């Protein structure tokens, strides 16, 4: 299964964009489980500052995105999966 996943990722035109959007989708979905009404689109609009009429709880999603980015790009950089924490 890991080989299949690796093969599929080779077909993606821009893996960074896929990861960028996946983090936002995960943040929105996880926040909505907790009752947040804001959506992934609201979070993207808040980040790009293209809309002023956003739900108040869009900040929940933005904080979640920040935490995921911190975990992925700051805490895990240089750590091998086999090393653990």
PDB file of N, CA and C in Angstrom:
ATOM      1  N   UNK A   1       0.827  -1.197   0.000  1.00  0.00           N
ATOM      2  CA  UNK A   1       0.000   0.000   0.000  1.00  0.00           C
ATOM      3  C   UNK A   1       0.872   1.262   0.000  1.00  0.00           C
ATOM      4  N   UNK A   2       1.987   1.220   0.723  1.00  0.00           N
ATOM      5  CA  UNK A   2       2.874   2.385   0.717  1.00  0.00           C
ATOM      6  C   UNK A   2       3.469   2.609  -0.669  1.00  0.00           C
ATOM      7  N   UNK A   3       3.763   1.531  -1.369  1.00  0.00           N
ATOM      8  CA  UNK A   3       4.274   1.648  -2.732  1.00  0.00           C
ATOM      9  C   UNK A   3       3.254   2.292  -3.654  1.00  0.00           C
ATOM     10  N   UNK A   4       1.985   1.907  -3.496  1.00  0.00           N
ATOM     11  CA  UNK A   4       0.923   2.512  -4.300  1.00  0.00           C
ATOM     12  C   UNK A   4       0.809   4.009  -3.999  1.00  0.00           C
ATOM     13  N   UNK A   5       0.840   4.341  -2.720  1.00  0.00           N
ATOM     14  CA  UNK A   5       0.750   5.743  -2.324  1.00  0.00           C
ATOM     15  C   UNK A   5       1.916   6.533  -2.899  1.00  0.00           C
ATOM     16  N   UNK A   6       3.116   5.974  -2.807  1.00  0.00           N
ATOM     17  CA  UNK A   6       4.288   6.648  -3.360  1.00  0.00           C
ATOM     18  C   UNK A   6       4.149   6.829  -4.871  1.00  0.00           C
ATOM     19  N   UNK A   7       3.646   5.814  -5.555  1.00  0.00           N
ATOM     20  CA  UNK A   7       3.455   5.908  -7.001  1.00  0.00           C
ATOM     21  C   UNK A   7       2.445   6.963  -7.386  1.00  0.00           C
ATOM     22  N   UNK A   8       1.374   7.050  -6.636  1.00  0.00           N
ATOM     23  CA  UNK A   8       0.334   8.044  -6.925  1.00  0.00           C
ATOM     24  C   UNK A   8       0.869   9.458  -6.715  1.00  0.00           C
ATOM     25  N   UNK A   9       1.672   9.637  -5.677  1.00  0.00           N
ATOM     26  CA  UNK A   9       2.194  10.983  -5.422  1.00  0.00           C
ATOM     27  C   UNK A   9       3.121  11.450  -6.535  1.00  0.00           C
ATOM     28  N   UNK A  10       3.722  10.515  -7.259  1.00  0.00           N
ATOM     29  CA  UNK A  10       4.589  10.888  -8.384  1.00  0.00           C
ATOM     30  C   UNK A  10       3.786  11.484  -9.536  1.00  0.00           C
ATOM     31  N   UNK A  11       2.486  11.190  -9.576  1.00  0.00           N
ATOM     32  CA  UNK A  11       1.632  11.683 -10.645  1.00  0.00           C
ATOM     33  C   UNK A  11       1.076  13.081 -10.358  1.00  0.00           C
ATOM     34  N   UNK A  12       1.173  13.523  -9.124  1.00  0.00           N
ATOM     35  CA  UNK A  12       0.631  14.829  -8.763  1.00  0.00           C
ATOM     36  C   UNK A  12       1.506  15.944  -9.342  1.00  0.00           C
ATOM     37  N   UNK A  13       0.887  16.947  -9.945  1.00  0.00           N
ATOM     38  CA  UNK A  13       1.674  18.016 -10.552  1.00  0.00           C
ATOM     39  C   UNK A  13       2.379  18.904  -9.520  1.00  0.00           C
ATOM     40  N   UNK A  14       1.764  19.104  -8.342  1.00  0.00           N
ATOM     41  CA  UNK A  14       2.361  19.980  -7.333  1.00  0.00           C
ATOM     42  C   UNK A  14       2.017  19.448  -5.943  1.00  0.00           C
ATOM     43  N   UNK A  15       2.887  18.633  -5.392  1.00  0.00           N
ATOM     44  CA  UNK A  15       2.628  18.005  -4.094  1.00  0.00           C
ATOM     45  C   UNK A  15       2.495  19.043  -2.986  1.00  0.00           C
ATOM     46  N   UNK A  16       3.208  20.159  -3.074  1.00  0.00           N
ATOM     47  CA  UNK A  16       3.112  21.191  -2.048  1.00  0.00           C
ATOM     48  C   UNK A  16       1.713  21.810  -2.013  1.00  0.00           C
ATOM     49  N   UNK A  17       1.111  21.998  -3.187  1.00  0.00           N
ATOM     50  CA  UNK A  17      -0.244  22.546  -3.234  1.00  0.00           C
ATOM     51  C   UNK A  17      -1.242  21.548  -2.651  1.00  0.00           C
ATOM     52  N   UNK A  18      -1.059  20.276  -2.954  1.00  0.00           N
ATOM     53  CA  UNK A  18      -1.949  19.242  -2.410  1.00  0.00           C
ATOM     54  C   UNK A  18      -1.847  19.237  -0.886  1.00  0.00           C
ATOM     55  N   UNK A  19      -0.644  19.309  -0.343  1.00  0.00           N
ATOM     56  CA  UNK A  19      -0.459  19.343   1.106  1.00  0.00           C
ATOM     57  C   UNK A  19      -1.063  20.612   1.695  1.00  0.00           C
ATOM     58  N   UNK A  20      -0.871  21.737   1.034  1.00  0.00           N
ATOM     59  CA  UNK A  20      -1.438  23.021   1.459  1.00  0.00           C
ATOM     60  C   UNK A  20      -2.962  22.908   1.609  1.00  0.00           C
ATOM     61  N   UNK A  21      -3.616  22.358   0.583  1.00  0.00           N
ATOM     62  CA  UNK A  21      -5.075  22.238   0.613  1.00  0.00           C
ATOM     63  C   UNK A  21      -5.528  21.157   1.594  1.00  0.00           C
ATOM     64  N   UNK A  22      -4.775  20.060   1.710  1.00  0.00           N
ATOM     65  CA  UNK A  22      -5.135  18.989   2.647  1.00  0.00           C
ATOM     66  C   UNK A  22      -5.133  19.501   4.086  1.00  0.00           C
ATOM     67  N   UNK A  23      -4.151  20.303   4.435  1.00  0.00           N
ATOM     68  CA  UNK A  23      -4.079  20.849   5.796  1.00  0.00           C
ATOM     69  C   UNK A  23      -5.303  21.704   6.076  1.00  0.00           C
ATOM     70  N   UNK A  24      -5.731  22.496   5.116  1.00  0.00           N
ATOM     71  CA  UNK A  24      -6.908  23.335   5.314  1.00  0.00           C
ATOM     72  C   UNK A  24      -8.187  22.509   5.412  1.00  0.00           C
ATOM     73  N   UNK A  25      -8.302  21.479   4.595  1.00  0.00           N
ATOM     74  CA  UNK A  25      -9.477  20.608   4.641  1.00  0.00           C
ATOM     75  C   UNK A  25      -9.532  19.868   5.975  1.00  0.00           C
ATOM     76  N   UNK A  26      -8.397  19.347   6.428  1.00  0.00           N
ATOM     77  CA  UNK A  26      -8.354  18.639   7.701  1.00  0.00           C
ATOM     78  C   UNK A  26      -8.698  19.573   8.859  1.00  0.00           C
ATOM     79  N   UNK A  27      -8.160  20.774   8.831  1.00  0.00           N
ATOM     80  CA  UNK A  27      -8.436  21.749   9.886  1.00  0.00           C
ATOM     81  C   UNK A  27      -9.917  22.105   9.927  1.00  0.00           C
ATOM     82  N   UNK A  28     -10.513  22.329   8.772  1.00  0.00           N
ATOM     83  CA  UNK A  28     -11.935  22.682   8.717  1.00  0.00           C
ATOM     84  C   UNK A  28     -12.800  21.510   9.171  1.00  0.00           C
ATOM     85  N   UNK A  29     -12.501  20.314   8.704  1.00  0.00           N
ATOM     86  CA  UNK A  29     -13.296  19.137   9.080  1.00  0.00           C
ATOM     87  C   UNK A  29     -13.200  18.866  10.578  1.00  0.00           C
ATOM     88  N   UNK A  30     -12.003  18.941  11.130  1.00  0.00           N
ATOM     89  CA  UNK A  30     -11.825  18.693  12.559  1.00  0.00           C
ATOM     90  C   UNK A  30     -12.519  19.764  13.397  1.00  0.00           C
ATOM     91  N   UNK A  31     -12.445  20.999  12.959  1.00  0.00           N
ATOM     92  CA  UNK A  31     -13.091  22.081  13.697  1.00  0.00           C
ATOM     93  C   UNK A  31     -14.610  21.974  13.622  1.00  0.00           C
ATOM     94  N   UNK A  32     -15.142  21.526  12.474  1.00  0.00           N
ATOM     95  CA  UNK A  32     -16.588  21.398  12.329  1.00  0.00           C
ATOM     96  C   UNK A  32     -17.138  20.302  13.230  1.00  0.00           C
ATOM     97  N   UNK A  33     -16.352  19.274  13.514  1.00  0.00           N
ATOM     98  CA  UNK A  33     -16.779  18.233  14.458  1.00  0.00           C
ATOM     99  C   UNK A  33     -17.040  18.854  15.823  1.00  0.00           C
ATOM    100  N   UNK A  34     -16.271  19.874  16.163  1.00  0.00           N
ATOM    101  CA  UNK A  34     -16.417  20.550  17.449  1.00  0.00           C
ATOM    102  C   UNK A  34     -17.467  21.655  17.418  1.00  0.00           C
ATOM    103  N   UNK A  35     -18.158  21.821  16.294  1.00  0.00           N
ATOM    104  CA  UNK A  35     -19.243  22.790  16.219  1.00  0.00           C
ATOM    105  C   UNK A  35     -18.917  24.071  15.480  1.00  0.00           C
ATOM    106  N   UNK A  36     -17.732  24.186  14.927  1.00  0.00           N
ATOM    107  CA  UNK A  36     -17.367  25.377  14.162  1.00  0.00           C
ATOM    108  C   UNK A  36     -18.194  25.432  12.886  1.00  0.00           C
ATOM    109  N   UNK A  37     -18.720  26.598  12.570  1.00  0.00           N
ATOM    110  CA  UNK A  37     -19.530  26.749  11.359  1.00  0.00           C
ATOM    111  C   UNK A  37     -18.711  27.228  10.164  1.00  0.00           C
ATOM    112  N   UNK A  38     -17.514  27.699  10.406  1.00  0.00           N
ATOM    113  CA  UNK A  38     -16.662  28.180   9.321  1.00  0.00           C
ATOM    114  C   UNK A  38     -16.233  27.006   8.443  1.00  0.00           C
ATOM    115  N   UNK A  39     -15.932  27.298   7.191  1.00  0.00           N
ATOM    116  CA  UNK A  39     -15.556  26.268   6.229  1.00  0.00           C
ATOM    117  C   UNK A  39     -14.108  26.451   5.777  1.00  0.00           C
ATOM    118  N   UNK A  40     -13.644  25.499   4.988  1.00  0.00           N
ATOM    119  CA  UNK A  40     -12.311  25.587   4.418  1.00  0.00           C
ATOM    120  C   UNK A  40     -12.192  26.845   3.554  1.00  0.00           C
ATOM    121  N   UNK A  41     -13.220  27.148   2.793  1.00  0.00           N
ATOM    122  CA  UNK A  41     -13.218  28.344   1.941  1.00  0.00           C
ATOM    123  C   UNK A  41     -13.117  29.602   2.800  1.00  0.00           C
ATOM    124  N   UNK A  42     -13.827  29.630   3.929  1.00  0.00           N
ATOM    125  CA  UNK A  42     -13.729  30.772   4.842  1.00  0.00           C
ATOM    126  C   UNK A  42     -12.292  30.953   5.328  1.00  0.00           C
ATOM    127  N   UNK A  43     -11.631  29.855   5.653  1.00  0.00           N
ATOM    128  CA  UNK A  43     -10.248  29.929   6.130  1.00  0.00           C
ATOM    129  C   UNK A  43      -9.321  30.457   5.035  1.00  0.00           C
ATOM    130  N   UNK A  44      -9.515  29.977   3.820  1.00  0.00           N
ATOM    131  CA  UNK A  44      -8.679  30.452   2.707  1.00  0.00           C
ATOM    132  C   UNK A  44      -8.923  31.937   2.460  1.00  0.00           C
ATOM    133  N   UNK A  45     -10.183  32.353   2.524  1.00  0.00           N
ATOM    134  CA  UNK A  45     -10.492  33.777   2.343  1.00  0.00           C
ATOM    135  C   UNK A  45      -9.897  34.624   3.463  1.00  0.00           C
ATOM    136  N   UNK A  46      -9.912  34.100   4.689  1.00  0.00           N
ATOM    137  CA  UNK A  46      -9.323  34.832   5.812  1.00  0.00           C
ATOM    138  C   UNK A  46      -7.811  34.952   5.647  1.00  0.00           C
ATOM    139  N   UNK A  47      -7.164  33.869   5.205  1.00  0.00           N
ATOM    140  CA  UNK A  47      -5.712  33.907   4.994  1.00  0.00           C
ATOM    141  C   UNK A  47      -5.321  34.863   3.876  1.00  0.00           C
ATOM    142  N   UNK A  48      -6.128  34.894   2.838  1.00  0.00           N
ATOM    143  CA  UNK A  48      -5.809  35.755   1.694  1.00  0.00           C
ATOM    144  C   UNK A  48      -6.382  37.158   1.840  1.00  0.00           C
ATOM    145  N   UNK A  49      -7.183  37.347   2.899  1.00  0.00           N
ATOM    146  CA  UNK A  49      -7.812  38.649   3.186  1.00  0.00           C
ATOM    147  C   UNK A  49      -8.650  39.150   2.012  1.00  0.00           C
ATOM    148  N   UNK A  50      -9.418  38.225   1.384  1.00  0.00           N
ATOM    149  CA  UNK A  50     -10.254  38.602   0.247  1.00  0.00           C
ATOM    150  C   UNK A  50     -11.702  38.855   0.643  1.00  0.00           C
ATOM    151  N   UNK A  51     -12.042  38.586   1.903  1.00  0.00           N
ATOM    152  CA  UNK A  51     -13.415  38.806   2.343  1.00  0.00           C
ATOM    153  C   UNK A  51     -13.409  39.335   3.769  1.00  0.00           C
ATOM    154  N   UNK A  52     -14.309  40.266   4.025  1.00  0.00           N
ATOM    155  CA  UNK A  52     -14.430  40.807   5.378  1.00  0.00           C
ATOM    156  C   UNK A  52     -15.599  40.178   6.129  1.00  0.00           C
ATOM    157  N   UNK A  53     -16.506  39.544   5.413  1.00  0.00           N
ATOM    158  CA  UNK A  53     -17.679  38.927   6.036  1.00  0.00           C
ATOM    159  C   UNK A  53     -17.415  37.446   6.249  1.00  0.00           C
ATOM    160  N   UNK A  54     -16.742  37.130   7.344  1.00  0.00           N
ATOM    161  CA  UNK A  54     -16.398  35.753   7.657  1.00  0.00           C
ATOM    162  C   UNK A  54     -16.999  35.376   9.004  1.00  0.00           C
ATOM    163  N   UNK A  55     -17.300  34.103   9.196  1.00  0.00           N
ATOM    164  CA  UNK A  55     -17.808  33.673  10.501  1.00  0.00           C
ATOM    165  C   UNK A  55     -16.784  33.968  11.602  1.00  0.00           C
ATOM    166  N   UNK A  56     -17.275  34.256  12.802  1.00  0.00           N
ATOM    167  CA  UNK A  56     -16.384  34.567  13.920  1.00  0.00           C
ATOM    168  C   UNK A  56     -15.464  33.397  14.261  1.00  0.00           C
ATOM    169  N   UNK A  57     -15.940  32.176  14.041  1.00  0.00           N
ATOM    170  CA  UNK A  57     -15.144  31.024  14.447  1.00  0.00           C
ATOM    171  C   UNK A  57     -14.134  30.560  13.397  1.00  0.00           C
ATOM    172  N   UNK A  58     -13.902  31.368  12.359  1.00  0.00           N
ATOM    173  CA  UNK A  58     -12.870  31.025  11.369  1.00  0.00           C
ATOM    174  C   UNK A  58     -11.498  31.015  12.045  1.00  0.00           C
ATOM    175  N   UNK A  59     -11.352  31.758  13.135  1.00  0.00           N
ATOM    176  CA  UNK A  59     -10.082  31.763  13.872  1.00  0.00           C
ATOM    177  C   UNK A  59      -9.737  30.371  14.404  1.00  0.00           C
ATOM    178  N   UNK A  60     -10.748  29.579  14.748  1.00  0.00           N
ATOM    179  CA  UNK A  60     -10.489  28.213  15.218  1.00  0.00           C
ATOM    180  C   UNK A  60      -9.753  27.409  14.152  1.00  0.00           C
ATOM    181  N   UNK A  61     -10.192  27.548  12.921  1.00  0.00           N
ATOM    182  CA  UNK A  61      -9.568  26.816  11.816  1.00  0.00           C
ATOM    183  C   UNK A  61      -8.155  27.351  11.565  1.00  0.00           C
ATOM    184  N   UNK A  62      -7.994  28.665  11.615  1.00  0.00           N
ATOM    185  CA  UNK A  62      -6.677  29.258  11.381  1.00  0.00           C
ATOM    186  C   UNK A  62      -5.667  28.823  12.438  1.00  0.00           C
ATOM    187  N   UNK A  63      -6.110  28.711  13.692  1.00  0.00           N
ATOM    188  CA  UNK A  63      -5.218  28.240  14.756  1.00  0.00           C
ATOM    189  C   UNK A  63      -4.848  26.771  14.535  1.00  0.00           C
ATOM    190  N   UNK A  64      -5.811  25.982  14.087  1.00  0.00           N
ATOM    191  CA  UNK A  64      -5.557  24.573  13.792  1.00  0.00           C
ATOM    192  C   UNK A  64      -4.545  24.447  12.652  1.00  0.00           C
ATOM    193  N   UNK A  65      -4.696  25.253  11.621  1.00  0.00           N
ATOM    194  CA  UNK A  65      -3.755  25.251  10.491  1.00  0.00           C
ATOM    195  C   UNK A  65      -2.355  25.616  10.989  1.00  0.00           C
ATOM    196  N   UNK A  66      -2.280  26.626  11.824  1.00  0.00           N
ATOM    197  CA  UNK A  66      -0.983  27.040  12.367  1.00  0.00           C
ATOM    198  C   UNK A  66      -0.340  25.896  13.159  1.00  0.00           C
ATOM    199  N   UNK A  67      -1.133  25.205  13.971  1.00  0.00           N
ATOM    200  CA  UNK A  67      -0.605  24.088  14.761  1.00  0.00           C
ATOM    201  C   UNK A  67      -0.134  22.944  13.868  1.00  0.00           C
ATOM    202  N   UNK A  68      -0.898  22.619  12.828  1.00  0.00           N
ATOM    203  CA  UNK A  68      -0.478  21.560  11.902  1.00  0.00           C
ATOM    204  C   UNK A  68       0.816  21.931  11.188  1.00  0.00           C
ATOM    205  N   UNK A  69       0.900  23.160  10.715  1.00  0.00           N
ATOM    206  CA  UNK A  69       2.115  23.609  10.036  1.00  0.00           C
ATOM    207  C   UNK A  69       3.316  23.566  10.975  1.00  0.00           C
ATOM    208  N   UNK A  70       3.110  23.961  12.220  1.00  0.00           N
ATOM    209  CA  UNK A  70       4.193  23.908  13.201  1.00  0.00           C
ATOM    210  C   UNK A  70       4.654  22.462  13.397  1.00  0.00           C
ATOM    211  N   UNK A  71       3.704  21.560  13.516  1.00  0.00           N
ATOM    212  CA  UNK A  71       4.054  20.156  13.700  1.00  0.00           C
ATOM    213  C   UNK A  71       4.758  19.558  12.503  1.00  0.00           C
ATOM    214  N   UNK A  72       4.226  19.817  11.316  1.00  0.00           N
ATOM    215  CA  UNK A  72       4.805  19.250  10.095  1.00  0.00           C
ATOM    216  C   UNK A  72       6.172  19.838   9.766  1.00  0.00           C
ATOM    217  N   UNK A  73       6.278  21.152   9.830  1.00  0.00           N
ATOM    218  CA  UNK A  73       7.448  21.816   9.275  1.00  0.00           C
ATOM    219  C   UNK A  73       8.485  22.240  10.310  1.00  0.00           C
ATOM    220  N   UNK A  74       8.113  22.346  11.562  1.00  0.00           N
ATOM    221  CA  UNK A  74       9.077  22.755  12.579  1.00  0.00           C
ATOM    222  C   UNK A  74       9.512  21.575  13.451  1.00  0.00           C
ATOM    223  N   UNK A  75       8.549  20.877  14.000  1.00  0.00           N
ATOM    224  CA  UNK A  75       8.862  19.799  14.935  1.00  0.00           C
ATOM    225  C   UNK A  75       9.360  18.534  14.254  1.00  0.00           C
ATOM    226  N   UNK A  76       8.856  18.213  13.074  1.00  0.00           N
ATOM    227  CA  UNK A  76       9.215  16.960  12.430  1.00  0.00           C
ATOM    228  C   UNK A  76      10.378  17.064  11.459  1.00  0.00           C
ATOM    229  N   UNK A  77      10.848  18.265  11.204  1.00  0.00           N
ATOM    230  CA  UNK A  77      11.953  18.392  10.257  1.00  0.00           C
ATOM    231  C   UNK A  77      13.205  17.754  10.845  1.00  0.00           C
ATOM    232  N   UNK A  78      13.810  16.887  10.079  1.00  0.00           N
ATOM    233  CA  UNK A  78      15.036  16.228  10.508  1.00  0.00           C
ATOM    234  C   UNK A  78      14.834  15.000  11.358  1.00  0.00           C
ATOM    235  N   UNK A  79      13.590  14.630  11.654  1.00  0.00           N
ATOM    236  CA  UNK A  79      13.325  13.440  12.461  1.00  0.00           C
ATOM    237  C   UNK A  79      12.885  12.319  11.527  1.00  0.00           C
ATOM    238  N   UNK A  80      13.532  11.212  11.621  1.00  0.00           N
ATOM    239  CA  UNK A  80      13.145  10.044  10.843  1.00  0.00           C
ATOM    240  C   UNK A  80      11.947   9.382  11.513  1.00  0.00           C
ATOM    241  N   UNK A  81      11.074   8.795  10.755  1.00  0.00           N
ATOM    242  CA  UNK A  81       9.909   8.112  11.318  1.00  0.00           C
ATOM    243  C   UNK A  81      10.352   7.024  12.300  1.00  0.00           C
ATOM    244  N   UNK A  82      11.442   6.361  12.012  1.00  0.00           N
ATOM    245  CA  UNK A  82      11.899   5.286  12.873  1.00  0.00           C
ATOM    246  C   UNK A  82      12.537   5.786  14.168  1.00  0.00           C
ATOM    247  N   UNK A  83      12.906   7.065  14.245  1.00  0.00           N
ATOM    248  CA  UNK A  83      13.508   7.613  15.451  1.00  0.00           C
ATOM    249  C   UNK A  83      12.485   7.917  16.532  1.00  0.00           C
ATOM    250  N   UNK A  84      11.272   8.227  16.137  1.00  0.00           N
ATOM    251  CA  UNK A  84      10.264   8.608  17.112  1.00  0.00           C
ATOM    252  C   UNK A  84      10.521   9.991  17.662  1.00  0.00           C
ATOM    253  N   UNK A  85      10.018  10.234  18.857  1.00  0.00           N
ATOM    254  CA  UNK A  85      10.165  11.560  19.459  1.00  0.00           C
ATOM    255  C   UNK A  85      11.101  11.442  20.598  1.00  0.00           C
TER     256      UNK A  85
END
